[in-house]
Amino acid sequence: MELKLARSELNGKPKPITLEEIEELVRKEGNKIFYFDRENSHKDLMALVEYFEERGYSVYFREVRYGLDENDYIYEVHILT
């Protein structure tokens, strides 16, 4: 599964990342926070949460609003070892 990390610039493009790359980062660095772009489907992000919970990680997921427009949000995922 490929997800898109949050944009670092308003007009930038989101950087793709695979589930395997996320898992490798968590294994190497321990507790990790990821920010995902709004272009990701909610269903894919719930699959990400489920994937890590099945492997014994604690996962916290939330939607972060940073503006008044309904499209001004990103997803935040904390993965704890």
C-alpha atoms as a PDB file:
ATOM      1  CA  MET A   1       0.000   0.000   0.000  1.00  0.00           C
ATOM      2  CA  GLU A   2       1.269   3.461  -0.848  1.00  0.00           C
ATOM      3  CA  LEU A   3       0.264   6.530   1.150  1.00  0.00           C
ATOM      4  CA  LYS A   4       1.077  10.209   0.681  1.00  0.00           C
ATOM      5  CA  LEU A   5       2.889  12.201   3.351  1.00  0.00           C
ATOM      6  CA  ALA A   6       1.625  15.711   4.057  1.00  0.00           C
ATOM      7  CA  ARG A   7       2.839  18.476   1.776  1.00  0.00           C
ATOM      8  CA  SER A   8       5.614  20.663   3.121  1.00  0.00           C
ATOM      9  CA  GLU A   9       4.511  23.586   0.918  1.00  0.00           C
ATOM     10  CA  LEU A  10       1.010  24.743   0.053  1.00  0.00           C
ATOM     11  CA  ASN A  11       1.501  24.236  -3.696  1.00  0.00           C
ATOM     12  CA  GLY A  12       3.868  21.266  -3.332  1.00  0.00           C
ATOM     13  CA  LYS A  13       3.096  17.662  -4.124  1.00  0.00           C
ATOM     14  CA  PRO A  14       2.753  15.031  -1.396  1.00  0.00           C
ATOM     15  CA  LYS A  15       5.633  12.570  -1.118  1.00  0.00           C
ATOM     16  CA  PRO A  16       4.624   8.898  -1.465  1.00  0.00           C
ATOM     17  CA  ILE A  17       5.649   6.359   1.180  1.00  0.00           C
ATOM     18  CA  THR A  18       4.951   2.635   1.400  1.00  0.00           C
ATOM     19  CA  LEU A  19       3.760   0.660   4.391  1.00  0.00           C
ATOM     20  CA  GLU A  20       7.090  -1.192   4.428  1.00  0.00           C
ATOM     21  CA  GLU A  21       9.046   2.096   4.594  1.00  0.00           C
ATOM     22  CA  ILE A  22       6.891   3.266   7.511  1.00  0.00           C
ATOM     23  CA  GLU A  23       7.457  -0.012   9.344  1.00  0.00           C
ATOM     24  CA  GLU A  24      11.220   0.204   8.774  1.00  0.00           C
ATOM     25  CA  LEU A  25      11.328   3.754  10.194  1.00  0.00           C
ATOM     26  CA  VAL A  26       9.359   2.686  13.270  1.00  0.00           C
ATOM     27  CA  ARG A  27      11.641  -0.306  13.795  1.00  0.00           C
ATOM     28  CA  LYS A  28      14.784   1.841  13.542  1.00  0.00           C
ATOM     29  CA  GLU A  29      13.662   4.944  15.428  1.00  0.00           C
ATOM     30  CA  GLY A  30      10.997   3.656  17.813  1.00  0.00           C
ATOM     31  CA  ASN A  31       8.035   5.933  18.527  1.00  0.00           C
ATOM     32  CA  LYS A  32       7.213   7.970  15.439  1.00  0.00           C
ATOM     33  CA  ILE A  33       4.682  10.580  14.304  1.00  0.00           C
ATOM     34  CA  PHE A  34       3.600  10.739  10.663  1.00  0.00           C
ATOM     35  CA  TYR A  35       1.536  13.401   8.935  1.00  0.00           C
ATOM     36  CA  PHE A  36      -0.442  12.274   5.897  1.00  0.00           C
ATOM     37  CA  ASP A  37      -1.991  14.356   3.152  1.00  0.00           C
ATOM     38  CA  ARG A  38      -5.751  14.796   2.781  1.00  0.00           C
ATOM     39  CA  GLU A  39      -5.527  13.011  -0.615  1.00  0.00           C
ATOM     40  CA  ASN A  40      -5.264   9.694   1.252  1.00  0.00           C
ATOM     41  CA  SER A  41      -8.515   7.852   1.705  1.00  0.00           C
ATOM     42  CA  HIS A  42      -9.790   7.397   5.239  1.00  0.00           C
ATOM     43  CA  LYS A  43     -10.150   3.680   4.467  1.00  0.00           C
ATOM     44  CA  ASP A  44      -6.421   3.358   3.613  1.00  0.00           C
ATOM     45  CA  LEU A  45      -5.429   5.123   6.814  1.00  0.00           C
ATOM     46  CA  MET A  46      -7.669   2.842   8.877  1.00  0.00           C
ATOM     47  CA  ALA A  47      -5.945  -0.104   7.163  1.00  0.00           C
ATOM     48  CA  LEU A  48      -2.587   1.394   8.246  1.00  0.00           C
ATOM     49  CA  VAL A  49      -3.799   1.663  11.856  1.00  0.00           C
ATOM     50  CA  GLU A  50      -5.083  -1.917  11.793  1.00  0.00           C
ATOM     51  CA  TYR A  51      -1.837  -3.192  10.225  1.00  0.00           C
ATOM     52  CA  PHE A  52       0.292  -1.810  13.072  1.00  0.00           C
ATOM     53  CA  GLU A  53      -2.146  -2.752  15.839  1.00  0.00           C
ATOM     54  CA  GLU A  54      -2.058  -6.373  14.619  1.00  0.00           C
ATOM     55  CA  ARG A  55       1.732  -6.284  15.033  1.00  0.00           C
ATOM     56  CA  GLY A  56       1.498  -5.131  18.659  1.00  0.00           C
ATOM     57  CA  TYR A  57       2.032  -1.382  18.249  1.00  0.00           C
ATOM     58  CA  SER A  58      -0.151   1.280  19.865  1.00  0.00           C
ATOM     59  CA  VAL A  59      -1.493   3.600  17.182  1.00  0.00           C
ATOM     60  CA  TYR A  60      -3.253   6.945  17.610  1.00  0.00           C
ATOM     61  CA  PHE A  61      -5.001   8.510  14.628  1.00  0.00           C
ATOM     62  CA  ARG A  62      -6.632  11.914  14.287  1.00  0.00           C
ATOM     63  CA  GLU A  63      -7.576  14.557  11.768  1.00  0.00           C
ATOM     64  CA  VAL A  64      -5.804  17.902  12.279  1.00  0.00           C
ATOM     65  CA  ARG A  65      -7.498  21.069  11.017  1.00  0.00           C
ATOM     66  CA  TYR A  66      -5.180  24.002  10.336  1.00  0.00           C
ATOM     67  CA  GLY A  67      -7.571  26.469   8.707  1.00  0.00           C
ATOM     68  CA  LEU A  68     -11.201  27.439   8.377  1.00  0.00           C
ATOM     69  CA  ASP A  69     -11.740  25.900   4.940  1.00  0.00           C
ATOM     70  CA  GLU A  70     -13.161  22.375   4.996  1.00  0.00           C
ATOM     71  CA  ASN A  71     -10.153  21.161   2.931  1.00  0.00           C
ATOM     72  CA  ASP A  72      -7.582  22.534   5.383  1.00  0.00           C
ATOM     73  CA  TYR A  73      -6.704  19.342   7.214  1.00  0.00           C
ATOM     74  CA  ILE A  74      -4.121  16.574   7.400  1.00  0.00           C
ATOM     75  CA  TYR A  75      -4.053  13.244   9.180  1.00  0.00           C
ATOM     76  CA  GLU A  76      -1.762  12.619  12.148  1.00  0.00           C
ATOM     77  CA  VAL A  77      -0.708   9.082  13.092  1.00  0.00           C
ATOM     78  CA  HIS A  78       1.368   8.276  16.184  1.00  0.00           C
ATOM     79  CA  ILE A  79       2.924   4.814  16.191  1.00  0.00           C
ATOM     80  CA  LEU A  80       4.284   3.775  19.590  1.00  0.00           C
ATOM     81  CA  THR A  81       6.436   0.735  20.233  1.00  0.00           C
END
